[in-house]
Amino acid sequence: MELSTLIDGYLLYCHADGKSPRTIRWYTGKLSVFQEYIEQKSDLRAADDLDVQIIRGFIVYLQTEVRADELNPRKPTRKEHLSPYTIQGYVRVLKAFFSWAYREGLIQENPTALVKVPKAPKEIVQTFSPAQVKALLSVIDTSTPTGFRDYCMVLTLLDTGVRLSELAILQLPALDLEQAHFRVIGKGAKERIVPLGASLQKMLWKYVHRFRPEPVHPSIRVLFLTRDGRAIAPGTIYQKVKDYGEKAGIKGIRCSPHTLRHTFAKSFLMNGGDLFTLQKILGHSSLDVVRLYVNLASDDVQVQHRRHSPVDMMKLKV
């Protein structure tokens, strides 16, 4: 079977398995790059002709020959090489793809079976400081309907840790202000309940009853709307958070919805929350993934130790 046919079959399987459109687009992009590499670097077309050396050659190609954003048509190419995390993404997609093909009996051997996912440096997740959060919120003009909507969107990201994609499709009927929670559809089409703090609960009530415009069509039921009553696009939300960050003078950290998600996770733990509850709120299936979100910065660890030092609490005379 030709590689192109196998890839089409895998993407069809992903659709049938209920994977999100975003995930399928991600798989499609990674597999298209791999297919193009195979077509340019060799005469091989059948999937069974691919072996572990070819897979490793592709990884080396990504590490040494491809520049950052070179494979992204929406962004200009940068001088740096692809990040280790980007390369990890390619390898994980290939392993998932060939594992599926092997399980289905479509190839005789899995060429990625002996391929390990390349290591990437473990970095402390960047989060906003309390001062930066206050600065970000202070530049949003809440006296206008659009500004109040933006303020509520930022507060929702900060208070619940929802993903940008989840916020954009959050449905008004899924919001239960009396019970202070909303239902959200996360990755893998899994539904979960996300609680709201009391302040956000009041703000969302005010937005719904005073500032939310009438939808341009009754079928539009998302919570956050544009001025003309249409669903606000994820890219628009991302750009607004970025613009407000620039207006607030926030530097040295990416001002994005995902940074707000990280900030929520760290603040939740710093304020006494537990990992298992955080895992449910964030919608992760693995506790290990949650731990990656909540690597506390060294300064935060020091502050916590000073606050809870066993010896200091003994009040010894020195």
C-alpha atoms as a PDB file:
ATOM      1  CA  MET A   1       0.000   0.000   0.000  1.00  0.00           C
ATOM      2  CA  GLU A   2       1.317   3.448  -0.893  1.00  0.00           C
ATOM      3  CA  LEU A   3       2.185   5.796   1.956  1.00  0.00           C
ATOM      4  CA  SER A   4      -0.274   8.429   0.711  1.00  0.00           C
ATOM      5  CA  THR A   5      -3.135   5.913   0.771  1.00  0.00           C
ATOM      6  CA  LEU A   6      -2.176   4.788   4.257  1.00  0.00           C
ATOM      7  CA  ILE A   7      -2.139   8.362   5.510  1.00  0.00           C
ATOM      8  CA  ASP A   8      -5.610   8.973   4.040  1.00  0.00           C
ATOM      9  CA  GLY A   9      -6.830   5.839   5.812  1.00  0.00           C
ATOM     10  CA  TYR A  10      -5.376   6.963   9.134  1.00  0.00           C
ATOM     11  CA  LEU A  11      -6.993  10.398   8.902  1.00  0.00           C
ATOM     12  CA  LEU A  12     -10.322   8.725   8.105  1.00  0.00           C
ATOM     13  CA  TYR A  13      -9.831   6.558  11.202  1.00  0.00           C
ATOM     14  CA  CYS A  14      -9.150   9.686  13.287  1.00  0.00           C
ATOM     15  CA  HIS A  15     -12.406  11.238  12.040  1.00  0.00           C
ATOM     16  CA  ALA A  16     -14.364   8.079  12.837  1.00  0.00           C
ATOM     17  CA  ASP A  17     -12.686   7.850  16.264  1.00  0.00           C
ATOM     18  CA  GLY A  18     -14.038  11.287  17.197  1.00  0.00           C
ATOM     19  CA  LYS A  19     -10.795  13.217  17.288  1.00  0.00           C
ATOM     20  CA  SER A  20     -11.267  16.970  17.149  1.00  0.00           C
ATOM     21  CA  PRO A  21     -10.876  18.882  13.855  1.00  0.00           C
ATOM     22  CA  ARG A  22      -7.916  20.711  15.365  1.00  0.00           C
ATOM     23  CA  THR A  23      -6.155  17.449  16.232  1.00  0.00           C
ATOM     24  CA  ILE A  24      -6.809  16.055  12.763  1.00  0.00           C
ATOM     25  CA  ARG A  25      -5.404  19.214  11.162  1.00  0.00           C
ATOM     26  CA  TRP A  26      -2.316  18.825  13.359  1.00  0.00           C
ATOM     27  CA  TYR A  27      -1.877  15.181  12.313  1.00  0.00           C
ATOM     28  CA  THR A  28      -2.446  16.097   8.668  1.00  0.00           C
ATOM     29  CA  GLY A  29       0.240  18.773   8.725  1.00  0.00           C
ATOM     30  CA  LYS A  30       2.860  16.547  10.356  1.00  0.00           C
ATOM     31  CA  LEU A  31       2.173  13.566   8.099  1.00  0.00           C
ATOM     32  CA  SER A  32       2.189  15.758   4.973  1.00  0.00           C
ATOM     33  CA  VAL A  33       5.676  16.994   5.837  1.00  0.00           C
ATOM     34  CA  PHE A  34       6.829  13.397   6.353  1.00  0.00           C
ATOM     35  CA  GLN A  35       5.299  12.284   3.043  1.00  0.00           C
ATOM     36  CA  GLU A  36       6.935  15.158   1.185  1.00  0.00           C
ATOM     37  CA  TYR A  37      10.291  14.281   2.785  1.00  0.00           C
ATOM     38  CA  ILE A  38       9.987  10.652   1.637  1.00  0.00           C
ATOM     39  CA  GLU A  39       9.074  11.690  -1.903  1.00  0.00           C
ATOM     40  CA  GLN A  40      12.020  14.095  -2.130  1.00  0.00           C
ATOM     41  CA  LYS A  41      14.670  11.971  -0.444  1.00  0.00           C
ATOM     42  CA  SER A  42      13.942   8.536  -1.901  1.00  0.00           C
ATOM     43  CA  ASP A  43      12.148   6.543  -4.561  1.00  0.00           C
ATOM     44  CA  LEU A  44      10.152   4.660  -1.943  1.00  0.00           C
ATOM     45  CA  ARG A  45       6.379   4.895  -2.176  1.00  0.00           C
ATOM     46  CA  ALA A  46       5.104   1.748  -0.416  1.00  0.00           C
ATOM     47  CA  ALA A  47       4.694   2.063   3.347  1.00  0.00           C
ATOM     48  CA  ASP A  48       6.226  -1.391   3.879  1.00  0.00           C
ATOM     49  CA  ASP A  49       9.502  -0.187   2.325  1.00  0.00           C
ATOM     50  CA  LEU A  50      10.056   2.293   5.148  1.00  0.00           C
ATOM     51  CA  ASP A  51      12.388   1.208   7.933  1.00  0.00           C
ATOM     52  CA  VAL A  52      13.803   2.583  11.174  1.00  0.00           C
ATOM     53  CA  GLN A  53      16.771   4.207   9.407  1.00  0.00           C
ATOM     54  CA  ILE A  54      14.464   6.263   7.217  1.00  0.00           C
ATOM     55  CA  ILE A  55      12.501   7.409  10.263  1.00  0.00           C
ATOM     56  CA  ARG A  56      15.702   8.408  12.046  1.00  0.00           C
ATOM     57  CA  GLY A  57      16.874  10.189   8.902  1.00  0.00           C
ATOM     58  CA  PHE A  58      13.670  12.234   8.963  1.00  0.00           C
ATOM     59  CA  ILE A  59      14.283  13.182  12.593  1.00  0.00           C
ATOM     60  CA  VAL A  60      17.836  14.311  11.778  1.00  0.00           C
ATOM     61  CA  TYR A  61      16.428  16.307   8.846  1.00  0.00           C
ATOM     62  CA  LEU A  62      14.053  18.112  11.208  1.00  0.00           C
ATOM     63  CA  GLN A  63      16.841  18.751  13.700  1.00  0.00           C
ATOM     64  CA  THR A  64      19.447  20.063  11.269  1.00  0.00           C
ATOM     65  CA  GLU A  65      17.868  21.307   8.042  1.00  0.00           C
ATOM     66  CA  VAL A  66      14.497  22.817   8.942  1.00  0.00           C
ATOM     67  CA  ARG A  67      14.221  26.297  10.410  1.00  0.00           C
ATOM     68  CA  ALA A  68      11.604  27.460  12.867  1.00  0.00           C
ATOM     69  CA  ASP A  69       8.234  28.160  11.178  1.00  0.00           C
ATOM     70  CA  GLU A  70       9.659  27.146   7.780  1.00  0.00           C
ATOM     71  CA  LEU A  71       6.901  24.544   7.502  1.00  0.00           C
ATOM     72  CA  ASN A  72       4.199  26.944   8.702  1.00  0.00           C
ATOM     73  CA  PRO A  73       2.686  28.862   5.743  1.00  0.00           C
ATOM     74  CA  ARG A  74       1.095  31.410   8.095  1.00  0.00           C
ATOM     75  CA  LYS A  75       4.377  32.546   9.683  1.00  0.00           C
ATOM     76  CA  PRO A  76       7.698  33.814   8.327  1.00  0.00           C
ATOM     77  CA  THR A  77      10.710  31.509   8.598  1.00  0.00           C
ATOM     78  CA  ARG A  78      13.070  32.283  11.497  1.00  0.00           C
ATOM     79  CA  LYS A  79      16.808  31.633  11.765  1.00  0.00           C
ATOM     80  CA  GLU A  80      16.582  29.167  14.643  1.00  0.00           C
ATOM     81  CA  HIS A  81      16.219  25.423  14.224  1.00  0.00           C
ATOM     82  CA  LEU A  82      12.955  23.701  15.106  1.00  0.00           C
ATOM     83  CA  SER A  83      12.469  23.468  18.842  1.00  0.00           C
ATOM     84  CA  PRO A  84      12.885  20.058  20.521  1.00  0.00           C
ATOM     85  CA  TYR A  85       9.207  20.199  21.464  1.00  0.00           C
ATOM     86  CA  THR A  86       8.168  20.615  17.815  1.00  0.00           C
ATOM     87  CA  ILE A  87      10.324  17.652  16.821  1.00  0.00           C
ATOM     88  CA  GLN A  88       8.791  15.607  19.640  1.00  0.00           C
ATOM     89  CA  GLY A  89       5.386  16.373  18.115  1.00  0.00           C
ATOM     90  CA  TYR A  90       6.434  15.010  14.730  1.00  0.00           C
ATOM     91  CA  VAL A  91       7.826  11.813  16.248  1.00  0.00           C
ATOM     92  CA  ARG A  92       4.727  11.205  18.388  1.00  0.00           C
ATOM     93  CA  VAL A  93       2.471  11.598  15.343  1.00  0.00           C
ATOM     94  CA  LEU A  94       4.615   9.158  13.336  1.00  0.00           C
ATOM     95  CA  LYS A  95       4.604   6.611  16.168  1.00  0.00           C
ATOM     96  CA  ALA A  96       0.822   6.867  16.492  1.00  0.00           C
ATOM     97  CA  PHE A  97       0.378   6.573  12.718  1.00  0.00           C
ATOM     98  CA  PHE A  98       2.604   3.535  12.198  1.00  0.00           C
ATOM     99  CA  SER A  99       1.319   1.825  15.375  1.00  0.00           C
ATOM    100  CA  TRP A 100      -2.200   2.126  13.978  1.00  0.00           C
ATOM    101  CA  ALA A 101      -1.119   0.759  10.593  1.00  0.00           C
ATOM    102  CA  TYR A 102       0.631  -2.197  12.251  1.00  0.00           C
ATOM    103  CA  ARG A 103      -2.358  -2.995  14.501  1.00  0.00           C
ATOM    104  CA  GLU A 104      -4.642  -2.926  11.478  1.00  0.00           C
ATOM    105  CA  GLY A 105      -2.373  -5.362   9.620  1.00  0.00           C
ATOM    106  CA  LEU A 106      -1.668  -2.823   6.870  1.00  0.00           C
ATOM    107  CA  ILE A 107       2.124  -3.048   7.270  1.00  0.00           C
ATOM    108  CA  GLN A 108       4.302  -6.015   8.162  1.00  0.00           C
ATOM    109  CA  GLU A 109       6.513  -4.199  10.670  1.00  0.00           C
ATOM    110  CA  ASN A 110       6.311  -0.974  12.629  1.00  0.00           C
ATOM    111  CA  PRO A 111       9.349   1.152  11.614  1.00  0.00           C
ATOM    112  CA  THR A 112       8.933   3.402  14.669  1.00  0.00           C
ATOM    113  CA  ALA A 113       8.906   0.586  17.235  1.00  0.00           C
ATOM    114  CA  LEU A 114      12.574   1.139  18.111  1.00  0.00           C
ATOM    115  CA  VAL A 115      12.470   4.914  17.714  1.00  0.00           C
ATOM    116  CA  LYS A 116      12.492   6.881  20.946  1.00  0.00           C
ATOM    117  CA  VAL A 117      10.943  10.305  21.257  1.00  0.00           C
ATOM    118  CA  PRO A 118      13.881  12.758  21.382  1.00  0.00           C
ATOM    119  CA  LYS A 119      14.435  14.377  24.738  1.00  0.00           C
ATOM    120  CA  ALA A 120      13.660  18.032  25.248  1.00  0.00           C
ATOM    121  CA  PRO A 121      14.937  20.236  28.062  1.00  0.00           C
ATOM    122  CA  LYS A 122      12.554  20.563  30.971  1.00  0.00           C
ATOM    123  CA  GLU A 123      11.693  24.190  31.391  1.00  0.00           C
ATOM    124  CA  ILE A 124       9.875  25.941  34.203  1.00  0.00           C
ATOM    125  CA  VAL A 125       6.486  27.010  32.907  1.00  0.00           C
ATOM    126  CA  GLN A 126       6.235  30.780  32.711  1.00  0.00           C
ATOM    127  CA  THR A 127       3.315  32.407  34.475  1.00  0.00           C
ATOM    128  CA  PHE A 128       2.133  35.930  35.142  1.00  0.00           C
ATOM    129  CA  SER A 129       2.978  37.555  38.446  1.00  0.00           C
ATOM    130  CA  PRO A 130       0.116  39.097  40.459  1.00  0.00           C
ATOM    131  CA  ALA A 131       1.350  42.543  39.420  1.00  0.00           C
ATOM    132  CA  GLN A 132       1.281  41.564  35.747  1.00  0.00           C
ATOM    133  CA  VAL A 133      -2.247  40.176  36.074  1.00  0.00           C
ATOM    134  CA  LYS A 134      -3.410  43.430  37.652  1.00  0.00           C
ATOM    135  CA  ALA A 135      -1.690  45.434  34.925  1.00  0.00           C
ATOM    136  CA  LEU A 136      -3.322  43.299  32.226  1.00  0.00           C
ATOM    137  CA  LEU A 137      -6.801  43.728  33.677  1.00  0.00           C
ATOM    138  CA  SER A 138      -6.326  47.454  34.322  1.00  0.00           C
ATOM    139  CA  VAL A 139      -5.920  48.347  30.643  1.00  0.00           C
ATOM    140  CA  ILE A 140      -9.248  46.820  29.589  1.00  0.00           C
ATOM    141  CA  ASP A 141     -12.014  49.420  29.283  1.00  0.00           C
ATOM    142  CA  THR A 142     -14.974  47.777  30.994  1.00  0.00           C
ATOM    143  CA  SER A 143     -17.306  50.704  30.298  1.00  0.00           C
ATOM    144  CA  THR A 144     -18.014  49.459  26.771  1.00  0.00           C
ATOM    145  CA  PRO A 145     -19.801  46.211  25.822  1.00  0.00           C
ATOM    146  CA  THR A 146     -16.745  44.990  23.888  1.00  0.00           C
ATOM    147  CA  GLY A 147     -14.364  45.885  26.690  1.00  0.00           C
ATOM    148  CA  PHE A 148     -16.529  44.236  29.312  1.00  0.00           C
ATOM    149  CA  ARG A 149     -16.689  41.094  27.176  1.00  0.00           C
ATOM    150  CA  ASP A 150     -12.901  41.083  26.844  1.00  0.00           C
ATOM    151  CA  TYR A 151     -12.543  41.566  30.601  1.00  0.00           C
ATOM    152  CA  CYS A 152     -14.821  38.579  31.224  1.00  0.00           C
ATOM    153  CA  MET A 153     -12.927  36.424  28.733  1.00  0.00           C
ATOM    154  CA  VAL A 154      -9.585  37.170  30.419  1.00  0.00           C
ATOM    155  CA  LEU A 155     -11.093  36.519  33.851  1.00  0.00           C
ATOM    156  CA  THR A 156     -12.568  33.226  32.641  1.00  0.00           C
ATOM    157  CA  LEU A 157      -9.186  32.069  31.308  1.00  0.00           C
ATOM    158  CA  LEU A 158      -7.504  33.102  34.559  1.00  0.00           C
ATOM    159  CA  ASP A 159     -10.121  31.724  36.966  1.00  0.00           C
ATOM    160  CA  THR A 160     -10.855  28.393  35.281  1.00  0.00           C
ATOM    161  CA  GLY A 161      -7.781  27.480  33.234  1.00  0.00           C
ATOM    162  CA  VAL A 162      -9.848  26.546  30.176  1.00  0.00           C
ATOM    163  CA  ARG A 163      -8.091  26.281  26.832  1.00  0.00           C
ATOM    164  CA  LEU A 164      -8.539  28.971  24.198  1.00  0.00           C
ATOM    165  CA  SER A 165     -10.398  26.530  21.932  1.00  0.00           C
ATOM    166  CA  GLU A 166     -12.742  25.628  24.807  1.00  0.00           C
ATOM    167  CA  LEU A 167     -13.458  29.256  25.653  1.00  0.00           C
ATOM    168  CA  ALA A 168     -14.321  30.114  22.055  1.00  0.00           C
ATOM    169  CA  ILE A 169     -16.996  27.403  21.799  1.00  0.00           C
ATOM    170  CA  LEU A 170     -18.369  27.762  25.345  1.00  0.00           C
ATOM    171  CA  GLN A 171     -22.157  27.636  25.024  1.00  0.00           C
ATOM    172  CA  LEU A 172     -24.523  29.922  26.898  1.00  0.00           C
ATOM    173  CA  PRO A 173     -26.836  26.985  27.831  1.00  0.00           C
ATOM    174  CA  ALA A 174     -23.774  25.243  29.330  1.00  0.00           C
ATOM    175  CA  LEU A 175     -23.291  28.100  31.797  1.00  0.00           C
ATOM    176  CA  ASP A 176     -25.048  27.514  35.133  1.00  0.00           C
ATOM    177  CA  LEU A 177     -24.645  30.720  37.117  1.00  0.00           C
ATOM    178  CA  GLU A 178     -26.736  29.490  40.043  1.00  0.00           C
ATOM    179  CA  GLN A 179     -24.508  26.464  40.568  1.00  0.00           C
ATOM    180  CA  ALA A 180     -21.389  28.468  39.610  1.00  0.00           C
ATOM    181  CA  HIS A 181     -20.013  26.178  36.928  1.00  0.00           C
ATOM    182  CA  PHE A 182     -20.138  25.498  33.218  1.00  0.00           C
ATOM    183  CA  ARG A 183     -19.878  22.415  31.028  1.00  0.00           C
ATOM    184  CA  VAL A 184     -17.111  22.428  28.470  1.00  0.00           C
ATOM    185  CA  ILE A 185     -16.194  20.072  25.630  1.00  0.00           C
ATOM    186  CA  GLY A 186     -12.454  19.408  25.792  1.00  0.00           C
ATOM    187  CA  LYS A 187      -9.973  17.291  23.883  1.00  0.00           C
ATOM    188  CA  GLY A 188     -11.309  14.007  22.599  1.00  0.00           C
ATOM    189  CA  ALA A 189     -14.853  15.422  22.766  1.00  0.00           C
ATOM    190  CA  LYS A 190     -14.838  14.776  26.530  1.00  0.00           C
ATOM    191  CA  GLU A 191     -17.247  16.847  28.573  1.00  0.00           C
ATOM    192  CA  ARG A 192     -16.297  18.121  32.018  1.00  0.00           C
ATOM    193  CA  ILE A 193     -17.650  20.481  34.656  1.00  0.00           C
ATOM    194  CA  VAL A 194     -15.534  23.557  35.377  1.00  0.00           C
ATOM    195  CA  PRO A 195     -16.285  25.556  38.569  1.00  0.00           C
ATOM    196  CA  LEU A 196     -16.391  29.359  38.761  1.00  0.00           C
ATOM    197  CA  GLY A 197     -15.181  31.655  41.515  1.00  0.00           C
ATOM    198  CA  ALA A 198     -17.682  34.045  43.095  1.00  0.00           C
ATOM    199  CA  SER A 199     -16.197  37.130  41.382  1.00  0.00           C
ATOM    200  CA  LEU A 200     -16.292  35.565  37.937  1.00  0.00           C
ATOM    201  CA  GLN A 201     -19.817  34.309  38.624  1.00  0.00           C
ATOM    202  CA  LYS A 202     -20.970  37.913  39.184  1.00  0.00           C
ATOM    203  CA  MET A 203     -19.079  39.239  36.167  1.00  0.00           C
ATOM    204  CA  LEU A 204     -20.533  36.642  33.811  1.00  0.00           C
ATOM    205  CA  TRP A 205     -24.057  37.345  35.106  1.00  0.00           C
ATOM    206  CA  LYS A 206     -23.508  41.025  34.327  1.00  0.00           C
ATOM    207  CA  TYR A 207     -22.148  40.228  30.864  1.00  0.00           C
ATOM    208  CA  VAL A 208     -25.047  37.915  29.986  1.00  0.00           C
ATOM    209  CA  HIS A 209     -27.769  40.272  31.188  1.00  0.00           C
ATOM    210  CA  ARG A 210     -26.297  43.674  30.276  1.00  0.00           C
ATOM    211  CA  PHE A 211     -23.588  43.459  27.643  1.00  0.00           C
ATOM    212  CA  ARG A 212     -24.033  40.302  25.551  1.00  0.00           C
ATOM    213  CA  PRO A 213     -25.483  41.280  22.144  1.00  0.00           C
ATOM    214  CA  GLU A 214     -28.327  39.452  20.479  1.00  0.00           C
ATOM    215  CA  PRO A 215     -27.030  36.622  18.272  1.00  0.00           C
ATOM    216  CA  VAL A 216     -27.287  37.332  14.559  1.00  0.00           C
ATOM    217  CA  HIS A 217     -29.055  33.965  14.229  1.00  0.00           C
ATOM    218  CA  PRO A 218     -30.912  31.822  16.832  1.00  0.00           C
ATOM    219  CA  SER A 219     -28.571  28.900  16.079  1.00  0.00           C
ATOM    220  CA  ILE A 220     -25.621  30.851  17.537  1.00  0.00           C
ATOM    221  CA  ARG A 221     -25.493  29.965  21.220  1.00  0.00           C
ATOM    222  CA  VAL A 222     -21.868  30.582  22.151  1.00  0.00           C
ATOM    223  CA  LEU A 223     -21.372  32.732  25.237  1.00  0.00           C
ATOM    224  CA  PHE A 224     -18.927  35.311  23.910  1.00  0.00           C
ATOM    225  CA  LEU A 225     -20.066  37.177  20.796  1.00  0.00           C
ATOM    226  CA  THR A 226     -18.771  39.907  18.525  1.00  0.00           C
ATOM    227  CA  ARG A 227     -20.531  43.254  18.411  1.00  0.00           C
ATOM    228  CA  ASP A 228     -22.681  42.058  15.510  1.00  0.00           C
ATOM    229  CA  GLY A 229     -23.753  38.905  17.346  1.00  0.00           C
ATOM    230  CA  ARG A 230     -21.443  36.334  15.789  1.00  0.00           C
ATOM    231  CA  ALA A 231     -19.208  33.778  17.509  1.00  0.00           C
ATOM    232  CA  ILE A 232     -15.827  35.298  18.303  1.00  0.00           C
ATOM    233  CA  ALA A 233     -12.958  33.416  16.653  1.00  0.00           C
ATOM    234  CA  PRO A 234     -10.149  31.835  18.734  1.00  0.00           C
ATOM    235  CA  GLY A 235      -7.580  33.840  16.774  1.00  0.00           C
ATOM    236  CA  THR A 236      -9.346  37.069  17.696  1.00  0.00           C
ATOM    237  CA  ILE A 237      -9.301  36.156  21.393  1.00  0.00           C
ATOM    238  CA  TYR A 238      -5.593  35.309  21.185  1.00  0.00           C
ATOM    239  CA  GLN A 239      -4.792  38.617  19.505  1.00  0.00           C
ATOM    240  CA  LYS A 240      -6.797  40.592  22.055  1.00  0.00           C
ATOM    241  CA  VAL A 241      -4.911  39.040  24.983  1.00  0.00           C
ATOM    242  CA  LYS A 242      -1.633  39.774  23.200  1.00  0.00           C
ATOM    243  CA  ASP A 243      -2.630  43.379  22.471  1.00  0.00           C
ATOM    244  CA  TYR A 244      -3.730  44.003  26.048  1.00  0.00           C
ATOM    245  CA  GLY A 245      -0.418  42.600  27.263  1.00  0.00           C
ATOM    246  CA  GLU A 246       1.492  45.033  25.053  1.00  0.00           C
ATOM    247  CA  LYS A 247      -0.705  47.889  26.232  1.00  0.00           C
ATOM    248  CA  ALA A 248      -0.011  46.918  29.854  1.00  0.00           C
ATOM    249  CA  GLY A 249       3.732  46.919  29.187  1.00  0.00           C
ATOM    250  CA  ILE A 250       4.174  43.245  30.068  1.00  0.00           C
ATOM    251  CA  LYS A 251       7.577  42.064  28.849  1.00  0.00           C
ATOM    252  CA  GLY A 252       9.720  38.957  29.145  1.00  0.00           C
ATOM    253  CA  ILE A 253       6.778  36.565  28.954  1.00  0.00           C
ATOM    254  CA  ARG A 254       4.374  35.578  26.197  1.00  0.00           C
ATOM    255  CA  CYS A 255       1.039  37.229  26.824  1.00  0.00           C
ATOM    256  CA  SER A 256      -1.386  34.569  25.643  1.00  0.00           C
ATOM    257  CA  PRO A 257      -4.443  32.586  26.754  1.00  0.00           C
ATOM    258  CA  HIS A 258      -2.202  29.582  27.426  1.00  0.00           C
ATOM    259  CA  THR A 259      -0.039  31.627  29.809  1.00  0.00           C
ATOM    260  CA  LEU A 260      -3.243  32.483  31.676  1.00  0.00           C
ATOM    261  CA  ARG A 261      -3.975  28.744  31.850  1.00  0.00           C
ATOM    262  CA  HIS A 262      -0.528  28.133  33.340  1.00  0.00           C
ATOM    263  CA  THR A 263      -1.063  31.005  35.773  1.00  0.00           C
ATOM    264  CA  PHE A 264      -4.356  29.516  36.924  1.00  0.00           C
ATOM    265  CA  ALA A 265      -2.740  26.118  37.524  1.00  0.00           C
ATOM    266  CA  LYS A 266       0.139  27.506  39.558  1.00  0.00           C
ATOM    267  CA  SER A 267      -2.072  29.875  41.563  1.00  0.00           C
ATOM    268  CA  PHE A 268      -4.484  27.043  42.296  1.00  0.00           C
ATOM    269  CA  LEU A 269      -1.699  24.964  43.829  1.00  0.00           C
ATOM    270  CA  MET A 270      -0.038  27.875  45.604  1.00  0.00           C
ATOM    271  CA  ASN A 271      -3.363  28.651  47.272  1.00  0.00           C
ATOM    272  CA  GLY A 272      -3.735  25.117  48.611  1.00  0.00           C
ATOM    273  CA  GLY A 273      -5.422  23.254  45.762  1.00  0.00           C
ATOM    274  CA  ASP A 274      -4.546  19.610  45.111  1.00  0.00           C
ATOM    275  CA  LEU A 275      -3.276  17.931  41.955  1.00  0.00           C
ATOM    276  CA  PHE A 276      -6.237  15.589  41.527  1.00  0.00           C
ATOM    277  CA  THR A 277      -8.787  18.417  41.570  1.00  0.00           C
ATOM    278  CA  LEU A 278      -6.588  20.452  39.246  1.00  0.00           C
ATOM    279  CA  GLN A 279      -6.385  17.508  36.869  1.00  0.00           C
ATOM    280  CA  LYS A 280     -10.191  17.377  36.646  1.00  0.00           C
ATOM    281  CA  ILE A 281     -10.533  21.129  36.145  1.00  0.00           C
ATOM    282  CA  LEU A 282      -7.903  21.278  33.403  1.00  0.00           C
ATOM    283  CA  GLY A 283      -9.292  18.203  31.657  1.00  0.00           C
ATOM    284  CA  HIS A 284      -6.125  16.112  31.544  1.00  0.00           C
ATOM    285  CA  SER A 285      -6.322  12.331  31.489  1.00  0.00           C
ATOM    286  CA  SER A 286      -2.865  11.921  33.020  1.00  0.00           C
ATOM    287  CA  LEU A 287      -1.628  13.318  36.311  1.00  0.00           C
ATOM    288  CA  ASP A 288       1.873  13.424  34.823  1.00  0.00           C
ATOM    289  CA  VAL A 289       0.726  16.023  32.311  1.00  0.00           C
ATOM    290  CA  VAL A 290      -0.654  18.158  35.142  1.00  0.00           C
ATOM    291  CA  ARG A 291       2.714  18.052  36.881  1.00  0.00           C
ATOM    292  CA  LEU A 292       4.293  19.547  33.774  1.00  0.00           C
ATOM    293  CA  TYR A 293       1.889  22.472  34.049  1.00  0.00           C
ATOM    294  CA  VAL A 294       2.706  23.211  37.641  1.00  0.00           C
ATOM    295  CA  ASN A 295       6.475  23.240  37.902  1.00  0.00           C
ATOM    296  CA  LEU A 296       6.840  26.085  40.353  1.00  0.00           C
ATOM    297  CA  ALA A 297       9.517  28.661  39.722  1.00  0.00           C
ATOM    298  CA  SER A 298      12.414  28.591  42.172  1.00  0.00           C
ATOM    299  CA  ASP A 299      11.395  31.922  43.702  1.00  0.00           C
ATOM    300  CA  ASP A 300       7.909  30.580  44.421  1.00  0.00           C
ATOM    301  CA  VAL A 301       9.360  27.504  46.096  1.00  0.00           C
ATOM    302  CA  GLN A 302      11.518  29.721  48.288  1.00  0.00           C
ATOM    303  CA  VAL A 303       8.547  31.864  49.267  1.00  0.00           C
ATOM    304  CA  GLN A 304       6.534  28.775  50.177  1.00  0.00           C
ATOM    305  CA  HIS A 305       9.395  27.380  52.235  1.00  0.00           C
ATOM    306  CA  ARG A 306       9.783  30.647  54.118  1.00  0.00           C
ATOM    307  CA  ARG A 307       6.077  30.598  54.851  1.00  0.00           C
ATOM    308  CA  HIS A 308       5.984  26.988  56.055  1.00  0.00           C
ATOM    309  CA  SER A 309       9.523  26.300  57.322  1.00  0.00           C
ATOM    310  CA  PRO A 310       9.234  23.767  60.200  1.00  0.00           C
ATOM    311  CA  VAL A 311      12.185  25.258  62.070  1.00  0.00           C
ATOM    312  CA  ASP A 312      11.029  28.862  61.644  1.00  0.00           C
ATOM    313  CA  MET A 313       7.618  27.925  63.003  1.00  0.00           C
ATOM    314  CA  MET A 314       9.268  26.666  66.190  1.00  0.00           C
ATOM    315  CA  LYS A 315      10.219  30.283  67.039  1.00  0.00           C
ATOM    316  CA  LEU A 316      13.653  29.265  68.330  1.00  0.00           C
ATOM    317  CA  LYS A 317      15.836  31.852  69.989  1.00  0.00           C
ATOM    318  CA  VAL A 318      18.935  32.459  67.909  1.00  0.00           C
END
